[in-house]
Amino acid sequence: GSQATVAPYGPVVPQKTPSWLAQKATGPVAAALSEYAT
């Protein structure tokens, strides 16, 4: 559910970016890069 949602009739560009989409996600790649840098 972290991907941008698609409306039933095709992609819709929202007028305002939803707050959940603006948040920075942290996944396994980010965790690995963070571990490497640390």
PDB file of all heavy atoms in Angstrom:
ATOM      1  N   GLY A   1       0.800  -1.220   0.000  1.00  0.00           N
ATOM      2  CA  GLY A   1       0.000   0.000   0.000  1.00  0.00           C
ATOM      3  C   GLY A   1       0.824   1.257   0.000  1.00  0.00           C
ATOM      4  O   GLY A   1       0.291   2.345   0.131  1.00  0.00           O
ATOM      5  N   SER A   2       2.126   1.142  -0.151  1.00  0.00           N
ATOM      6  CA  SER A   2       2.965   2.335  -0.119  1.00  0.00           C
ATOM      7  C   SER A   2       3.117   2.965  -1.488  1.00  0.00           C
ATOM      8  O   SER A   2       3.654   4.054  -1.604  1.00  0.00           O
ATOM      9  CB  SER A   2       4.342   2.005   0.453  1.00  0.00           C
ATOM     10  OG  SER A   2       5.002   1.101  -0.410  1.00  0.00           O
ATOM     11  N   GLN A   3       2.652   2.285  -2.533  1.00  0.00           N
ATOM     12  CA  GLN A   3       2.736   2.839  -3.879  1.00  0.00           C
ATOM     13  C   GLN A   3       1.579   3.802  -4.119  1.00  0.00           C
ATOM     14  O   GLN A   3       0.536   3.714  -3.478  1.00  0.00           O
ATOM     15  CB  GLN A   3       2.703   1.717  -4.920  1.00  0.00           C
ATOM     16  CG  GLN A   3       3.838   0.735  -4.802  1.00  0.00           C
ATOM     17  CD  GLN A   3       5.192   1.388  -5.030  1.00  0.00           C
ATOM     18  OE1 GLN A   3       5.335   2.210  -5.911  1.00  0.00           O
ATOM     19  NE2 GLN A   3       6.163   1.040  -4.218  1.00  0.00           N
ATOM     20  N   ALA A   4       1.740   4.697  -5.069  1.00  0.00           N
ATOM     21  CA  ALA A   4       0.659   5.622  -5.416  1.00  0.00           C
ATOM     22  C   ALA A   4      -0.522   4.827  -5.953  1.00  0.00           C
ATOM     23  O   ALA A   4      -0.347   3.876  -6.701  1.00  0.00           O
ATOM     24  CB  ALA A   4       1.146   6.621  -6.463  1.00  0.00           C
ATOM     25  N   THR A   5      -1.716   5.203  -5.552  1.00  0.00           N
ATOM     26  CA  THR A   5      -2.901   4.471  -5.990  1.00  0.00           C
ATOM     27  C   THR A   5      -3.307   4.903  -7.389  1.00  0.00           C
ATOM     28  O   THR A   5      -3.016   6.013  -7.827  1.00  0.00           O
ATOM     29  CB  THR A   5      -4.077   4.691  -5.026  1.00  0.00           C
ATOM     30  OG1 THR A   5      -4.330   6.096  -4.956  1.00  0.00           O
ATOM     31  CG2 THR A   5      -3.756   4.145  -3.651  1.00  0.00           C
ATOM     32  N   VAL A   6      -3.979   4.018  -8.075  1.00  0.00           N
ATOM     33  CA  VAL A   6      -4.442   4.291  -9.428  1.00  0.00           C
ATOM     34  C   VAL A   6      -5.972   4.235  -9.420  1.00  0.00           C
ATOM     35  O   VAL A   6      -6.559   3.297  -8.882  1.00  0.00           O
ATOM     36  CB  VAL A   6      -3.870   3.245 -10.411  1.00  0.00           C
ATOM     37  CG1 VAL A   6      -4.396   3.482 -11.803  1.00  0.00           C
ATOM     38  CG2 VAL A   6      -2.359   3.276 -10.377  1.00  0.00           C
ATOM     39  N   ALA A   7      -6.597   5.246  -9.999  1.00  0.00           N
ATOM     40  CA  ALA A   7      -8.064   5.276 -10.072  1.00  0.00           C
ATOM     41  C   ALA A   7      -8.545   4.184 -11.018  1.00  0.00           C
ATOM     42  O   ALA A   7      -7.789   3.729 -11.871  1.00  0.00           O
ATOM     43  CB  ALA A   7      -8.521   6.650 -10.555  1.00  0.00           C
ATOM     44  N   PRO A   8      -9.791   3.751 -10.896  1.00  0.00           N
ATOM     45  CA  PRO A   8     -10.283   2.663 -11.730  1.00  0.00           C
ATOM     46  C   PRO A   8     -10.197   2.939 -13.231  1.00  0.00           C
ATOM     47  O   PRO A   8     -10.139   2.019 -14.022  1.00  0.00           O
ATOM     48  CB  PRO A   8     -11.741   2.508 -11.299  1.00  0.00           C
ATOM     49  CG  PRO A   8     -11.938   3.342 -10.097  1.00  0.00           C
ATOM     50  CD  PRO A   8     -10.759   4.222  -9.947  1.00  0.00           C
ATOM     51  N   TYR A   9     -10.214   4.194 -13.653  1.00  0.00           N
ATOM     52  CA  TYR A   9     -10.199   4.505 -15.082  1.00  0.00           C
ATOM     53  C   TYR A   9      -8.848   5.024 -15.560  1.00  0.00           C
ATOM     54  O   TYR A   9      -8.763   5.658 -16.578  1.00  0.00           O
ATOM     55  CB  TYR A   9     -11.297   5.532 -15.408  1.00  0.00           C
ATOM     56  CG  TYR A   9     -12.646   5.028 -15.016  1.00  0.00           C
ATOM     57  CD1 TYR A   9     -13.289   5.559 -13.918  1.00  0.00           C
ATOM     58  CD2 TYR A   9     -13.240   4.004 -15.735  1.00  0.00           C
ATOM     59  CE1 TYR A   9     -14.530   5.085 -13.539  1.00  0.00           C
ATOM     60  CE2 TYR A   9     -14.489   3.514 -15.354  1.00  0.00           C
ATOM     61  CZ  TYR A   9     -15.124   4.050 -14.256  1.00  0.00           C
ATOM     62  OH  TYR A   9     -16.344   3.579 -13.881  1.00  0.00           O
ATOM     63  N   GLY A  10      -7.803   4.814 -14.830  1.00  0.00           N
ATOM     64  CA  GLY A  10      -6.474   5.269 -15.216  1.00  0.00           C
ATOM     65  C   GLY A  10      -5.874   6.155 -14.146  1.00  0.00           C
ATOM     66  O   GLY A  10      -6.537   6.505 -13.170  1.00  0.00           O
ATOM     67  N   PRO A  11      -4.613   6.511 -14.325  1.00  0.00           N
ATOM     68  CA  PRO A  11      -3.953   7.333 -13.306  1.00  0.00           C
ATOM     69  C   PRO A  11      -4.552   8.726 -13.228  1.00  0.00           C
ATOM     70  O   PRO A  11      -4.925   9.293 -14.244  1.00  0.00           O
ATOM     71  CB  PRO A  11      -2.491   7.385 -13.753  1.00  0.00           C
ATOM     72  CG  PRO A  11      -2.500   6.995 -15.177  1.00  0.00           C
ATOM     73  CD  PRO A  11      -3.743   6.191 -15.434  1.00  0.00           C
ATOM     74  N   VAL A  12      -4.668   9.212 -12.030  1.00  0.00           N
ATOM     75  CA  VAL A  12      -5.200  10.544 -11.797  1.00  0.00           C
ATOM     76  C   VAL A  12      -4.121  11.334 -11.067  1.00  0.00           C
ATOM     77  O   VAL A  12      -3.576  10.875 -10.072  1.00  0.00           O
ATOM     78  CB  VAL A  12      -6.480  10.498 -10.940  1.00  0.00           C
ATOM     79  CG1 VAL A  12      -6.955  11.905 -10.620  1.00  0.00           C
ATOM     80  CG2 VAL A  12      -7.550   9.706 -11.640  1.00  0.00           C
ATOM     81  N   VAL A  13      -3.810  12.517 -11.576  1.00  0.00           N
ATOM     82  CA  VAL A  13      -2.834  13.383 -10.922  1.00  0.00           C
ATOM     83  C   VAL A  13      -3.582  14.194  -9.880  1.00  0.00           C
ATOM     84  O   VAL A  13      -4.473  14.956 -10.219  1.00  0.00           O
ATOM     85  CB  VAL A  13      -2.138  14.314 -11.940  1.00  0.00           C
ATOM     86  CG1 VAL A  13      -1.171  15.246 -11.236  1.00  0.00           C
ATOM     87  CG2 VAL A  13      -1.457  13.510 -13.007  1.00  0.00           C
ATOM     88  N   PRO A  14      -3.287  13.988  -8.605  1.00  0.00           N
ATOM     89  CA  PRO A  14      -4.019  14.727  -7.579  1.00  0.00           C
ATOM     90  C   PRO A  14      -3.652  16.207  -7.611  1.00  0.00           C
ATOM     91  O   PRO A  14      -2.546  16.590  -8.007  1.00  0.00           O
ATOM     92  CB  PRO A  14      -3.566  14.073  -6.272  1.00  0.00           C
ATOM     93  CG  PRO A  14      -2.289  13.389  -6.583  1.00  0.00           C
ATOM     94  CD  PRO A  14      -2.300  13.075  -8.054  1.00  0.00           C
ATOM     95  N   GLN A  15      -4.594  17.036  -7.226  1.00  0.00           N
ATOM     96  CA  GLN A  15      -4.359  18.478  -7.167  1.00  0.00           C
ATOM     97  C   GLN A  15      -3.366  18.812  -6.056  1.00  0.00           C
ATOM     98  O   GLN A  15      -2.550  19.697  -6.202  1.00  0.00           O
ATOM     99  CB  GLN A  15      -5.686  19.221  -6.922  1.00  0.00           C
ATOM    100  CG  GLN A  15      -6.690  19.043  -8.044  1.00  0.00           C
ATOM    101  CD  GLN A  15      -6.186  19.601  -9.368  1.00  0.00           C
ATOM    102  OE1 GLN A  15      -5.464  20.588  -9.396  1.00  0.00           O
ATOM    103  NE2 GLN A  15      -6.541  18.955 -10.462  1.00  0.00           N
ATOM    104  N   LYS A  16      -3.471  18.086  -4.979  1.00  0.00           N
ATOM    105  CA  LYS A  16      -2.588  18.300  -3.850  1.00  0.00           C
ATOM    106  C   LYS A  16      -1.979  16.940  -3.487  1.00  0.00           C
ATOM    107  O   LYS A  16      -2.677  15.935  -3.490  1.00  0.00           O
ATOM    108  CB  LYS A  16      -3.378  18.860  -2.663  1.00  0.00           C
ATOM    109  CG  LYS A  16      -2.551  19.144  -1.447  1.00  0.00           C
ATOM    110  CD  LYS A  16      -3.412  19.704  -0.331  1.00  0.00           C
ATOM    111  CE  LYS A  16      -2.576  19.857   0.918  1.00  0.00           C
ATOM    112  NZ  LYS A  16      -3.386  20.225   2.071  1.00  0.00           N
ATOM    113  N   THR A  17      -0.684  16.922  -3.209  1.00  0.00           N
ATOM    114  CA  THR A  17      -0.030  15.660  -2.871  1.00  0.00           C
ATOM    115  C   THR A  17      -0.563  15.160  -1.533  1.00  0.00           C
ATOM    116  O   THR A  17      -0.504  15.882  -0.538  1.00  0.00           O
ATOM    117  CB  THR A  17       1.494  15.846  -2.770  1.00  0.00           C
ATOM    118  OG1 THR A  17       1.960  16.406  -3.980  1.00  0.00           O
ATOM    119  CG2 THR A  17       2.191  14.530  -2.487  1.00  0.00           C
ATOM    120  N   PRO A  18      -1.099  13.924  -1.514  1.00  0.00           N
ATOM    121  CA  PRO A  18      -1.583  13.382  -0.242  1.00  0.00           C
ATOM    122  C   PRO A  18      -0.433  13.266   0.754  1.00  0.00           C
ATOM    123  O   PRO A  18       0.704  13.023   0.374  1.00  0.00           O
ATOM    124  CB  PRO A  18      -2.118  11.994  -0.623  1.00  0.00           C
ATOM    125  CG  PRO A  18      -2.252  11.995  -2.096  1.00  0.00           C
ATOM    126  CD  PRO A  18      -1.304  13.013  -2.623  1.00  0.00           C
ATOM    127  N   SER A  19      -0.734  13.434   2.030  1.00  0.00           N
ATOM    128  CA  SER A  19       0.313  13.421   3.061  1.00  0.00           C
ATOM    129  C   SER A  19       1.045  12.087   3.100  1.00  0.00           C
ATOM    130  O   SER A  19       2.247  12.043   3.329  1.00  0.00           O
ATOM    131  CB  SER A  19      -0.278  13.749   4.431  1.00  0.00           C
ATOM    132  OG  SER A  19      -1.218  12.755   4.789  1.00  0.00           O
ATOM    133  N   TRP A  20       0.338  10.983   2.849  1.00  0.00           N
ATOM    134  CA  TRP A  20       0.997   9.676   2.916  1.00  0.00           C
ATOM    135  C   TRP A  20       1.976   9.494   1.768  1.00  0.00           C
ATOM    136  O   TRP A  20       2.934   8.770   1.877  1.00  0.00           O
ATOM    137  CB  TRP A  20      -0.027   8.532   2.924  1.00  0.00           C
ATOM    138  CG  TRP A  20      -0.927   8.531   1.719  1.00  0.00           C
ATOM    139  CD1 TRP A  20      -2.137   9.134   1.611  1.00  0.00           C
ATOM    140  CD2 TRP A  20      -0.672   7.917   0.466  1.00  0.00           C
ATOM    141  NE1 TRP A  20      -2.664   8.948   0.363  1.00  0.00           N
ATOM    142  CE2 TRP A  20      -1.769   8.192  -0.370  1.00  0.00           C
ATOM    143  CE3 TRP A  20       0.378   7.166  -0.050  1.00  0.00           C
ATOM    144  CZ2 TRP A  20      -1.861   7.749  -1.676  1.00  0.00           C
ATOM    145  CZ3 TRP A  20       0.279   6.727  -1.356  1.00  0.00           C
ATOM    146  CH2 TRP A  20      -0.821   7.012  -2.159  1.00  0.00           C
ATOM    147  N   LEU A  21       1.765  10.197   0.641  1.00  0.00           N
ATOM    148  CA  LEU A  21       2.665  10.081  -0.501  1.00  0.00           C
ATOM    149  C   LEU A  21       3.894  10.973  -0.311  1.00  0.00           C
ATOM    150  O   LEU A  21       4.976  10.670  -0.799  1.00  0.00           O
ATOM    151  CB  LEU A  21       1.930  10.454  -1.789  1.00  0.00           C
ATOM    152  CG  LEU A  21       2.613  10.147  -3.105  1.00  0.00           C
ATOM    153  CD1 LEU A  21       2.950   8.670  -3.196  1.00  0.00           C
ATOM    154  CD2 LEU A  21       1.743  10.546  -4.269  1.00  0.00           C
ATOM    155  N   ALA A  22       3.737  12.048   0.435  1.00  0.00           N
ATOM    156  CA  ALA A  22       4.853  12.973   0.659  1.00  0.00           C
ATOM    157  C   ALA A  22       5.840  12.437   1.684  1.00  0.00           C
ATOM    158  O   ALA A  22       6.976  12.878   1.739  1.00  0.00           O
ATOM    159  CB  ALA A  22       4.316  14.327   1.113  1.00  0.00           C
ATOM    160  N   GLN A  23       5.406  11.478   2.504  1.00  0.00           N
ATOM    161  CA  GLN A  23       6.298  10.921   3.510  1.00  0.00           C
ATOM    162  C   GLN A  23       7.368  10.066   2.842  1.00  0.00           C
ATOM    163  O   GLN A  23       7.105   9.392   1.861  1.00  0.00           O
ATOM    164  CB  GLN A  23       5.519  10.067   4.502  1.00  0.00           C
ATOM    165  CG  GLN A  23       4.544  10.876   5.328  1.00  0.00           C
ATOM    166  CD  GLN A  23       3.675   9.984   6.196  1.00  0.00           C
ATOM    167  OE1 GLN A  23       3.683   8.774   6.062  1.00  0.00           O
ATOM    168  NE2 GLN A  23       2.934  10.612   7.093  1.00  0.00           N
ATOM    169  N   LYS A  24       8.556  10.116   3.376  1.00  0.00           N
ATOM    170  CA  LYS A  24       9.659   9.323   2.846  1.00  0.00           C
ATOM    171  C   LYS A  24       9.553   7.905   3.381  1.00  0.00           C
ATOM    172  O   LYS A  24       9.493   7.691   4.588  1.00  0.00           O
ATOM    173  CB  LYS A  24      11.019   9.928   3.233  1.00  0.00           C
ATOM    174  CG  LYS A  24      11.204  11.346   2.745  1.00  0.00           C
ATOM    175  CD  LYS A  24      11.178  11.422   1.239  1.00  0.00           C
ATOM    176  CE  LYS A  24      11.394  12.858   0.785  1.00  0.00           C
ATOM    177  NZ  LYS A  24      11.102  13.063  -0.593  1.00  0.00           N
ATOM    178  N   ALA A  25       9.503   6.956   2.472  1.00  0.00           N
ATOM    179  CA  ALA A  25       9.390   5.563   2.872  1.00  0.00           C
ATOM    180  C   ALA A  25      10.761   5.012   3.226  1.00  0.00           C
ATOM    181  O   ALA A  25      11.775   5.441   2.702  1.00  0.00           O
ATOM    182  CB  ALA A  25       8.783   4.747   1.732  1.00  0.00           C
ATOM    183  N   THR A  26      10.794   4.048   4.136  1.00  0.00           N
ATOM    184  CA  THR A  26      12.026   3.380   4.496  1.00  0.00           C
ATOM    185  C   THR A  26      11.841   1.893   4.233  1.00  0.00           C
ATOM    186  O   THR A  26      11.011   1.257   4.856  1.00  0.00           O
ATOM    187  CB  THR A  26      12.355   3.596   5.982  1.00  0.00           C
ATOM    188  OG1 THR A  26      12.340   4.988   6.250  1.00  0.00           O
ATOM    189  CG2 THR A  26      13.717   3.043   6.321  1.00  0.00           C
ATOM    190  N   GLY A  27      12.619   1.405   3.299  1.00  0.00           N
ATOM    191  CA  GLY A  27      12.510  -0.002   2.954  1.00  0.00           C
ATOM    192  C   GLY A  27      13.833  -0.706   3.108  1.00  0.00           C
ATOM    193  O   GLY A  27      14.780  -0.167   3.692  1.00  0.00           O
ATOM    194  N   PRO A  28      13.940  -1.917   2.559  1.00  0.00           N
ATOM    195  CA  PRO A  28      15.166  -2.699   2.727  1.00  0.00           C
ATOM    196  C   PRO A  28      16.384  -2.067   2.062  1.00  0.00           C
ATOM    197  O   PRO A  28      17.488  -2.163   2.588  1.00  0.00           O
ATOM    198  CB  PRO A  28      14.817  -4.051   2.102  1.00  0.00           C
ATOM    199  CG  PRO A  28      13.622  -3.814   1.262  1.00  0.00           C
ATOM    200  CD  PRO A  28      12.905  -2.640   1.832  1.00  0.00           C
ATOM    201  N   VAL A  29      16.195  -1.403   0.929  1.00  0.00           N
ATOM    202  CA  VAL A  29      17.337  -0.753   0.262  1.00  0.00           C
ATOM    203  C   VAL A  29      17.837   0.407   1.111  1.00  0.00           C
ATOM    204  O   VAL A  29      19.041   0.574   1.332  1.00  0.00           O
ATOM    205  CB  VAL A  29      16.966  -0.292  -1.163  1.00  0.00           C
ATOM    206  CG1 VAL A  29      18.080   0.533  -1.773  1.00  0.00           C
ATOM    207  CG2 VAL A  29      16.627  -1.488  -2.042  1.00  0.00           C
ATOM    208  N   ALA A  30      16.901   1.209   1.617  1.00  0.00           N
ATOM    209  CA  ALA A  30      17.280   2.342   2.470  1.00  0.00           C
ATOM    210  C   ALA A  30      17.986   1.847   3.726  1.00  0.00           C
ATOM    211  O   ALA A  30      18.982   2.431   4.159  1.00  0.00           O
ATOM    212  CB  ALA A  30      16.043   3.154   2.837  1.00  0.00           C
ATOM    213  N   ALA A  31      17.475   0.766   4.292  1.00  0.00           N
ATOM    214  CA  ALA A  31      18.105   0.216   5.498  1.00  0.00           C
ATOM    215  C   ALA A  31      19.519  -0.279   5.201  1.00  0.00           C
ATOM    216  O   ALA A  31      20.443  -0.059   5.990  1.00  0.00           O
ATOM    217  CB  ALA A  31      17.253  -0.924   6.055  1.00  0.00           C
ATOM    218  N   ALA A  32      19.694  -0.926   4.052  1.00  0.00           N
ATOM    219  CA  ALA A  32      21.021  -1.425   3.683  1.00  0.00           C
ATOM    220  C   ALA A  32      21.999  -0.276   3.443  1.00  0.00           C
ATOM    221  O   ALA A  32      23.150  -0.327   3.881  1.00  0.00           O
ATOM    222  CB  ALA A  32      20.929  -2.306   2.444  1.00  0.00           C
ATOM    223  N   LEU A  33      21.538   0.758   2.751  1.00  0.00           N
ATOM    224  CA  LEU A  33      22.410   1.911   2.491  1.00  0.00           C
ATOM    225  C   LEU A  33      22.764   2.624   3.799  1.00  0.00           C
ATOM    226  O   LEU A  33      23.903   3.052   3.993  1.00  0.00           O
ATOM    227  CB  LEU A  33      21.741   2.875   1.520  1.00  0.00           C
ATOM    228  CG  LEU A  33      21.632   2.384   0.078  1.00  0.00           C
ATOM    229  CD1 LEU A  33      20.786   3.339  -0.757  1.00  0.00           C
ATOM    230  CD2 LEU A  33      23.010   2.209  -0.547  1.00  0.00           C
ATOM    231  N   SER A  34      21.798   2.725   4.679  1.00  0.00           N
ATOM    232  CA  SER A  34      22.054   3.347   5.975  1.00  0.00           C
ATOM    233  C   SER A  34      23.063   2.534   6.777  1.00  0.00           C
ATOM    234  O   SER A  34      23.984   3.087   7.394  1.00  0.00           O
ATOM    235  CB  SER A  34      20.746   3.476   6.750  1.00  0.00           C
ATOM    236  OG  SER A  34      20.993   3.988   8.037  1.00  0.00           O
ATOM    237  N   GLU A  35      22.910   1.224   6.762  1.00  0.00           N
ATOM    238  CA  GLU A  35      23.850   0.341   7.471  1.00  0.00           C
ATOM    239  C   GLU A  35      25.256   0.473   6.884  1.00  0.00           C
ATOM    240  O   GLU A  35      26.248   0.540   7.618  1.00  0.00           O
ATOM    241  CB  GLU A  35      23.364  -1.109   7.380  1.00  0.00           C
ATOM    242  CG  GLU A  35      24.254  -2.104   8.088  1.00  0.00           C
ATOM    243  CD  GLU A  35      24.185  -2.019   9.597  1.00  0.00           C
ATOM    244  OE1 GLU A  35      23.240  -1.427  10.135  1.00  0.00           O
ATOM    245  OE2 GLU A  35      25.105  -2.551  10.248  1.00  0.00           O
ATOM    246  N   TYR A  36      25.346   0.510   5.557  1.00  0.00           N
ATOM    247  CA  TYR A  36      26.650   0.659   4.899  1.00  0.00           C
ATOM    248  C   TYR A  36      27.311   1.974   5.330  1.00  0.00           C
ATOM    249  O   TYR A  36      28.486   1.993   5.706  1.00  0.00           O
ATOM    250  CB  TYR A  36      26.489   0.628   3.378  1.00  0.00           C
ATOM    251  CG  TYR A  36      27.781   0.896   2.653  1.00  0.00           C
ATOM    252  CD1 TYR A  36      28.723  -0.109   2.481  1.00  0.00           C
ATOM    253  CD2 TYR A  36      28.083   2.172   2.165  1.00  0.00           C
ATOM    254  CE1 TYR A  36      29.918   0.141   1.832  1.00  0.00           C
ATOM    255  CE2 TYR A  36      29.272   2.422   1.519  1.00  0.00           C
ATOM    256  CZ  TYR A  36      30.187   1.405   1.342  1.00  0.00           C
ATOM    257  OH  TYR A  36      31.373   1.663   0.718  1.00  0.00           O
ATOM    258  N   ALA A  37      26.543   3.066   5.262  1.00  0.00           N
ATOM    259  CA  ALA A  37      27.102   4.375   5.625  1.00  0.00           C
ATOM    260  C   ALA A  37      27.531   4.396   7.083  1.00  0.00           C
ATOM    261  O   ALA A  37      28.590   4.940   7.419  1.00  0.00           O
ATOM    262  CB  ALA A  37      26.072   5.469   5.350  1.00  0.00           C
ATOM    263  N   THR A  38      26.744   3.787   7.935  1.00  0.00           N
ATOM    264  CA  THR A  38      27.073   3.753   9.367  1.00  0.00           C
ATOM    265  C   THR A  38      28.366   2.974   9.604  1.00  0.00           C
ATOM    266  O   THR A  38      29.238   3.411  10.352  1.00  0.00           O
ATOM    267  CB  THR A  38      25.921   3.119  10.167  1.00  0.00           C
ATOM    268  OG1 THR A  38      24.746   3.907   9.962  1.00  0.00           O
ATOM    269  CG2 THR A  38      26.244   3.049  11.639  1.00  0.00           C
TER     270      THR A  38
END
